[in-house]
Every structure is written in C-alpha cells, then in structure tokens.
PDB file of N, CA and C in Angstrom:
ATOM      1  N   MET A   1     -47.136  30.084 -78.099  1.00  0.00           N
ATOM      2  CA  MET A   1     -46.565  29.506 -76.899  1.00  0.00           C
ATOM      3  C   MET A   1     -45.434  28.520 -77.205  1.00  0.00           C
ATOM      4  N   PRO A   2     -45.559  27.703 -78.252  1.00  0.00           N
ATOM      5  CA  PRO A   2     -44.448  26.780 -78.524  1.00  0.00           C
ATOM      6  C   PRO A   2     -43.127  27.506 -78.765  1.00  0.00           C
ATOM      7  N   ARG A   3     -43.159  28.654 -79.453  1.00  0.00           N
ATOM      8  CA  ARG A   3     -41.920  29.395 -79.710  1.00  0.00           C
ATOM      9  C   ARG A   3     -41.347  29.985 -78.425  1.00  0.00           C
ATOM     10  N   ILE A   4     -42.205  30.388 -77.513  1.00  0.00           N
ATOM     11  CA  ILE A   4     -41.747  30.919 -76.229  1.00  0.00           C
ATOM     12  C   ILE A   4     -41.071  29.817 -75.422  1.00  0.00           C
ATOM     13  N   ILE A   5     -41.692  28.657 -75.363  1.00  0.00           N
ATOM     14  CA  ILE A   5     -41.118  27.518 -74.636  1.00  0.00           C
ATOM     15  C   ILE A   5     -39.805  27.088 -75.276  1.00  0.00           C
ATOM     16  N   GLU A   6     -39.763  27.051 -76.590  1.00  0.00           N
ATOM     17  CA  GLU A   6     -38.546  26.666 -77.299  1.00  0.00           C
ATOM     18  C   GLU A   6     -37.397  27.633 -76.967  1.00  0.00           C
ATOM     19  N   ALA A   7     -37.670  28.910 -76.924  1.00  0.00           N
ATOM     20  CA  ALA A   7     -36.625  29.884 -76.585  1.00  0.00           C
ATOM     21  C   ALA A   7     -36.090  29.657 -75.181  1.00  0.00           C
ATOM     22  N   LEU A   8     -36.972  29.385 -74.230  1.00  0.00           N
ATOM     23  CA  LEU A   8     -36.530  29.104 -72.858  1.00  0.00           C
ATOM     24  C   LEU A   8     -35.664  27.846 -72.810  1.00  0.00           C
ATOM     25  N   GLN A   9     -36.064  26.823 -73.549  1.00  0.00           N
ATOM     26  CA  GLN A   9     -35.293  25.585 -73.578  1.00  0.00           C
ATOM     27  C   GLN A   9     -33.917  25.778 -74.209  1.00  0.00           C
ATOM     28  N   GLN A  10     -33.777  26.803 -75.039  1.00  0.00           N
ATOM     29  CA  GLN A  10     -32.492  27.094 -75.666  1.00  0.00           C
ATOM     30  C   GLN A  10     -31.618  27.997 -74.795  1.00  0.00           C
ATOM     31  N   GLY A  11     -32.103  28.339 -73.604  1.00  0.00           N
ATOM     32  CA  GLY A  11     -31.293  29.104 -72.670  1.00  0.00           C
ATOM     33  C   GLY A  11     -31.582  30.585 -72.579  1.00  0.00           C
ATOM     34  N   VAL A  12     -32.610  31.064 -73.264  1.00  0.00           N
ATOM     35  CA  VAL A  12     -32.974  32.475 -73.182  1.00  0.00           C
ATOM     36  C   VAL A  12     -33.567  32.740 -71.794  1.00  0.00           C
ATOM     37  N   ASP A  13     -33.195  33.855 -71.170  1.00  0.00           N
ATOM     38  CA  ASP A  13     -33.668  34.170 -69.820  1.00  0.00           C
ATOM     39  C   ASP A  13     -35.021  34.868 -69.797  1.00  0.00           C
ATOM     40  N   PHE A  14     -35.325  35.650 -70.824  1.00  0.00           N
ATOM     41  CA  PHE A  14     -36.572  36.420 -70.858  1.00  0.00           C
ATOM     42  C   PHE A  14     -37.122  36.401 -72.269  1.00  0.00           C
ATOM     43  N   VAL A  15     -38.393  36.058 -72.406  1.00  0.00           N
ATOM     44  CA  VAL A  15     -39.065  36.022 -73.705  1.00  0.00           C
ATOM     45  C   VAL A  15     -40.334  36.847 -73.593  1.00  0.00           C
ATOM     46  N   GLN A  16     -40.549  37.707 -74.575  1.00  0.00           N
ATOM     47  CA  GLN A  16     -41.757  38.521 -74.583  1.00  0.00           C
ATOM     48  C   GLN A  16     -42.341  38.513 -75.987  1.00  0.00           C
ATOM     49  N   ALA A  17     -43.610  38.228 -76.092  1.00  0.00           N
ATOM     50  CA  ALA A  17     -44.283  38.259 -77.390  1.00  0.00           C
ATOM     51  C   ALA A  17     -44.472  39.713 -77.823  1.00  0.00           C
ATOM     52  N   SER A  18     -44.706  39.925 -79.111  1.00  0.00           N
ATOM     53  CA  SER A  18     -44.939  41.266 -79.614  1.00  0.00           C
ATOM     54  C   SER A  18     -45.858  41.226 -80.818  1.00  0.00           C
ATOM     55  N   ARG A  19     -46.798  42.152 -80.835  1.00  0.00           N
ATOM     56  CA  ARG A  19     -47.674  42.294 -81.994  1.00  0.00           C
ATOM     57  C   ARG A  19     -46.961  42.964 -83.153  1.00  0.00           C
ATOM     58  N   PHE A  20     -45.831  43.610 -82.879  1.00  0.00           N
ATOM     59  CA  PHE A  20     -45.226  44.510 -83.840  1.00  0.00           C
ATOM     60  C   PHE A  20     -43.965  43.981 -84.503  1.00  0.00           C
ATOM     61  N   VAL A  21     -43.712  42.694 -84.414  1.00  0.00           N
ATOM     62  CA  VAL A  21     -42.591  42.080 -85.128  1.00  0.00           C
ATOM     63  C   VAL A  21     -43.164  41.270 -86.288  1.00  0.00           C
ATOM     64  N   PRO A  22     -42.347  40.945 -87.282  1.00  0.00           N
ATOM     65  CA  PRO A  22     -42.863  40.135 -88.398  1.00  0.00           C
ATOM     66  C   PRO A  22     -43.532  38.861 -87.888  1.00  0.00           C
ATOM     67  N   GLY A  23     -44.743  38.627 -88.328  1.00  0.00           N
ATOM     68  CA  GLY A  23     -45.510  37.464 -87.903  1.00  0.00           C
ATOM     69  C   GLY A  23     -46.400  37.735 -86.706  1.00  0.00           C
ATOM     70  N   GLY A  24     -46.229  38.880 -86.058  1.00  0.00           N
ATOM     71  CA  GLY A  24     -47.052  39.238 -84.907  1.00  0.00           C
ATOM     72  C   GLY A  24     -48.415  39.744 -85.353  1.00  0.00           C
ATOM     73  N   ALA A  25     -49.382  39.661 -84.476  1.00  0.00           N
ATOM     74  CA  ALA A  25     -50.728  40.123 -84.799  1.00  0.00           C
ATOM     75  C   ALA A  25     -51.410  40.643 -83.550  1.00  0.00           C
ATOM     76  N   GLY A  26     -52.230  41.634 -83.721  1.00  0.00           N
ATOM     77  CA  GLY A  26     -53.005  42.172 -82.606  1.00  0.00           C
ATOM     78  C   GLY A  26     -54.484  42.042 -82.902  1.00  0.00           C
ATOM     79  N   GLU A  27     -55.270  41.934 -81.851  1.00  0.00           N
ATOM     80  CA  GLU A  27     -56.719  41.844 -82.014  1.00  0.00           C
ATOM     81  C   GLU A  27     -57.371  42.926 -81.175  1.00  0.00           C
ATOM     82  N   ASN A  28     -58.283  43.651 -81.776  1.00  0.00           N
ATOM     83  CA  ASN A  28     -59.077  44.658 -81.079  1.00  0.00           C
ATOM     84  C   ASN A  28     -58.243  45.738 -80.395  1.00  0.00           C
ATOM     85  N   THR A  29     -57.126  46.121 -80.984  1.00  0.00           N
ATOM     86  CA  THR A  29     -56.315  47.204 -80.440  1.00  0.00           C
ATOM     87  C   THR A  29     -56.717  48.487 -81.152  1.00  0.00           C
ATOM     88  N   SER A  30     -57.183  49.466 -80.390  1.00  0.00           N
ATOM     89  CA  SER A  30     -57.611  50.720 -81.003  1.00  0.00           C
ATOM     90  C   SER A  30     -56.422  51.443 -81.619  1.00  0.00           C
ATOM     91  N   GLN A  31     -56.703  52.321 -82.568  1.00  0.00           N
ATOM     92  CA  GLN A  31     -55.627  53.060 -83.224  1.00  0.00           C
ATOM     93  C   GLN A  31     -54.859  53.935 -82.240  1.00  0.00           C
ATOM     94  N   SER A  32     -55.566  54.533 -81.291  1.00  0.00           N
ATOM     95  CA  SER A  32     -54.880  55.398 -80.330  1.00  0.00           C
ATOM     96  C   SER A  32     -53.956  54.585 -79.425  1.00  0.00           C
ATOM     97  N   ARG A  33     -54.384  53.410 -79.008  1.00  0.00           N
ATOM     98  CA  ARG A  33     -53.530  52.566 -78.180  1.00  0.00           C
ATOM     99  C   ARG A  33     -52.333  52.051 -78.978  1.00  0.00           C
ATOM    100  N   ASP A  34     -52.587  51.623 -80.206  1.00  0.00           N
ATOM    101  CA  ASP A  34     -51.515  51.157 -81.079  1.00  0.00           C
ATOM    102  C   ASP A  34     -50.461  52.258 -81.245  1.00  0.00           C
ATOM    103  N   PHE A  35     -50.907  53.466 -81.509  1.00  0.00           N
ATOM    104  CA  PHE A  35     -49.996  54.603 -81.665  1.00  0.00           C
ATOM    105  C   PHE A  35     -49.196  54.845 -80.391  1.00  0.00           C
ATOM    106  N   ALA A  36     -49.871  54.861 -79.254  1.00  0.00           N
ATOM    107  CA  ALA A  36     -49.194  55.132 -77.975  1.00  0.00           C
ATOM    108  C   ALA A  36     -48.139  54.072 -77.649  1.00  0.00           C
ATOM    109  N   ILE A  37     -48.452  52.810 -77.917  1.00  0.00           N
ATOM    110  CA  ILE A  37     -47.489  51.730 -77.643  1.00  0.00           C
ATOM    111  C   ILE A  37     -46.273  51.872 -78.557  1.00  0.00           C
ATOM    112  N   ARG A  38     -46.524  52.034 -79.848  1.00  0.00           N
ATOM    113  CA  ARG A  38     -45.434  52.064 -80.838  1.00  0.00           C
ATOM    114  C   ARG A  38     -44.551  53.301 -80.739  1.00  0.00           C
ATOM    115  N   PHE A  39     -45.159  54.452 -80.486  1.00  0.00           N
ATOM    116  CA  PHE A  39     -44.428  55.704 -80.631  1.00  0.00           C
ATOM    117  C   PHE A  39     -44.187  56.476 -79.334  1.00  0.00           C
ATOM    118  N   ILE A  40     -44.762  56.013 -78.227  1.00  0.00           N
ATOM    119  CA  ILE A  40     -44.517  56.695 -76.957  1.00  0.00           C
ATOM    120  C   ILE A  40     -43.962  55.718 -75.914  1.00  0.00           C
ATOM    121  N   HIS A  41     -44.766  54.735 -75.544  1.00  0.00           N
ATOM    122  CA  HIS A  41     -44.389  53.858 -74.433  1.00  0.00           C
ATOM    123  C   HIS A  41     -43.171  52.989 -74.742  1.00  0.00           C
ATOM    124  N   ALA A  42     -43.197  52.251 -75.834  1.00  0.00           N
ATOM    125  CA  ALA A  42     -42.066  51.363 -76.173  1.00  0.00           C
ATOM    126  C   ALA A  42     -40.772  52.144 -76.400  1.00  0.00           C
ATOM    127  N   PRO A  43     -40.798  53.255 -77.154  1.00  0.00           N
ATOM    128  CA  PRO A  43     -39.545  54.001 -77.319  1.00  0.00           C
ATOM    129  C   PRO A  43     -39.005  54.578 -76.002  1.00  0.00           C
ATOM    130  N   MET A  44     -39.884  55.081 -75.149  1.00  0.00           N
ATOM    131  CA  MET A  44     -39.425  55.649 -73.879  1.00  0.00           C
ATOM    132  C   MET A  44     -38.842  54.565 -72.977  1.00  0.00           C
ATOM    133  N   LEU A  45     -39.520  53.431 -72.870  1.00  0.00           N
ATOM    134  CA  LEU A  45     -39.003  52.346 -72.050  1.00  0.00           C
ATOM    135  C   LEU A  45     -37.681  51.828 -72.618  1.00  0.00           C
ATOM    136  N   SER A  46     -37.582  51.747 -73.932  1.00  0.00           N
ATOM    137  CA  SER A  46     -36.335  51.322 -74.568  1.00  0.00           C
ATOM    138  C   SER A  46     -35.203  52.289 -74.234  1.00  0.00           C
ATOM    139  N   LEU A  47     -35.487  53.571 -74.320  1.00  0.00           N
ATOM    140  CA  LEU A  47     -34.480  54.590 -74.043  1.00  0.00           C
ATOM    141  C   LEU A  47     -33.947  54.471 -72.618  1.00  0.00           C
ATOM    142  N   PHE A  48     -34.839  54.326 -71.666  1.00  0.00           N
ATOM    143  CA  PHE A  48     -34.433  54.323 -70.264  1.00  0.00           C
ATOM    144  C   PHE A  48     -33.919  52.972 -69.755  1.00  0.00           C
ATOM    145  N   SER A  49     -34.283  51.894 -70.432  1.00  0.00           N
ATOM    146  CA  SER A  49     -33.843  50.577 -69.966  1.00  0.00           C
ATOM    147  C   SER A  49     -32.589  50.078 -70.674  1.00  0.00           C
ATOM    148  N   GLY A  50     -32.322  50.610 -71.869  1.00  0.00           N
ATOM    149  CA  GLY A  50     -31.191  50.119 -72.638  1.00  0.00           C
ATOM    150  C   GLY A  50     -31.484  48.817 -73.367  1.00  0.00           C
ATOM    151  N   PHE A  51     -32.730  48.410 -73.400  1.00  0.00           N
ATOM    152  CA  PHE A  51     -33.175  47.190 -74.069  1.00  0.00           C
ATOM    153  C   PHE A  51     -34.220  47.597 -75.098  1.00  0.00           C
ATOM    154  N   ARG A  52     -34.183  47.027 -76.289  1.00  0.00           N
ATOM    155  CA  ARG A  52     -35.151  47.405 -77.319  1.00  0.00           C
ATOM    156  C   ARG A  52     -36.479  46.688 -77.105  1.00  0.00           C
ATOM    157  N   TRP A  53     -37.479  47.440 -76.711  1.00  0.00           N
ATOM    158  CA  TRP A  53     -38.834  46.926 -76.531  1.00  0.00           C
ATOM    159  C   TRP A  53     -39.655  47.256 -77.775  1.00  0.00           C
ATOM    160  N   THR A  54     -40.510  46.323 -78.200  1.00  0.00           N
ATOM    161  CA  THR A  54     -41.412  46.604 -79.322  1.00  0.00           C
ATOM    162  C   THR A  54     -42.859  46.642 -78.880  1.00  0.00           C
ATOM    163  N   ASP A  55     -43.208  45.869 -77.872  1.00  0.00           N
ATOM    164  CA  ASP A  55     -44.595  45.798 -77.402  1.00  0.00           C
ATOM    165  C   ASP A  55     -44.572  45.677 -75.885  1.00  0.00           C
ATOM    166  N   THR A  56     -44.825  46.768 -75.217  1.00  0.00           N
ATOM    167  CA  THR A  56     -44.662  46.821 -73.766  1.00  0.00           C
ATOM    168  C   THR A  56     -45.923  46.484 -72.983  1.00  0.00           C
ATOM    169  N   THR A  57     -47.036  46.280 -73.655  1.00  0.00           N
ATOM    170  CA  THR A  57     -48.286  46.057 -72.927  1.00  0.00           C
ATOM    171  C   THR A  57     -48.957  44.724 -73.229  1.00  0.00           C
ATOM    172  N   GLN A  58     -48.264  43.827 -73.877  1.00  0.00           N
ATOM    173  CA  GLN A  58     -48.865  42.517 -74.165  1.00  0.00           C
ATOM    174  C   GLN A  58     -48.748  41.612 -72.942  1.00  0.00           C
ATOM    175  N   GLY A  59     -49.422  40.497 -72.957  1.00  0.00           N
ATOM    176  CA  GLY A  59     -49.460  39.644 -71.779  1.00  0.00           C
ATOM    177  C   GLY A  59     -48.644  38.368 -71.834  1.00  0.00           C
ATOM    178  N   PHE A  60     -48.002  38.072 -72.968  1.00  0.00           N
ATOM    179  CA  PHE A  60     -47.262  36.829 -73.074  1.00  0.00           C
ATOM    180  C   PHE A  60     -45.790  37.044 -72.788  1.00  0.00           C
ATOM    181  N   ARG A  61     -45.363  36.615 -71.603  1.00  0.00           N
ATOM    182  CA  ARG A  61     -43.971  36.733 -71.188  1.00  0.00           C
ATOM    183  C   ARG A  61     -43.565  35.448 -70.492  1.00  0.00           C
ATOM    184  N   ALA A  62     -42.277  35.173 -70.549  1.00  0.00           N
ATOM    185  CA  ALA A  62     -41.758  33.982 -69.842  1.00  0.00           C
ATOM    186  C   ALA A  62     -40.368  34.314 -69.322  1.00  0.00           C
ATOM    187  N   TYR A  63     -40.051  33.776 -68.164  1.00  0.00           N
ATOM    188  CA  TYR A  63     -38.769  33.981 -67.521  1.00  0.00           C
ATOM    189  C   TYR A  63     -38.159  32.631 -67.191  1.00  0.00           C
ATOM    190  N   SER A  64     -36.841  32.525 -67.301  1.00  0.00           N
ATOM    191  CA  SER A  64     -36.179  31.302 -66.901  1.00  0.00           C
ATOM    192  C   SER A  64     -36.032  31.293 -65.379  1.00  0.00           C
ATOM    193  N   ARG A  65     -35.781  30.150 -64.823  1.00  0.00           N
ATOM    194  CA  ARG A  65     -35.545  30.090 -63.394  1.00  0.00           C
ATOM    195  C   ARG A  65     -34.082  30.285 -63.183  1.00  0.00           C
TER     196      ARG A  65
END
C-alpha cells in the first residue's frame, strides 16, 4: 500500500498491483487460474485496451481524483 500511495502522490492517475512483476507475490492461486491470468486474460485485455496488463484479477487498485 505505501508504494501505491506514493505513486498517486507523484501524479500517477491509475495504480494496479500485480503478482507477476518483480517483487510481486500471490497466495493460494491455483495453477489453472495462474495460467489463465498470465496467458489468456491479461494478454487479451492488453491487446484490446492498448495498455499492458500483467494481473487483471487482483484487488489492489487506486485512482487519482
């Protein structure tokens, strides 16, 4: 959370945590879900949105006002 708040204070408009970046970690994620997020959902959303997503189903997000 401190890194998310720090990013917002630096002027970032959208911050999203990810299990799949260096330093990220997941707990109790099944192999099938991990596979689907990494190789189906995140790539498809990235393709259609034009934004590189790494973890599309996590719960830590923040938006600037």
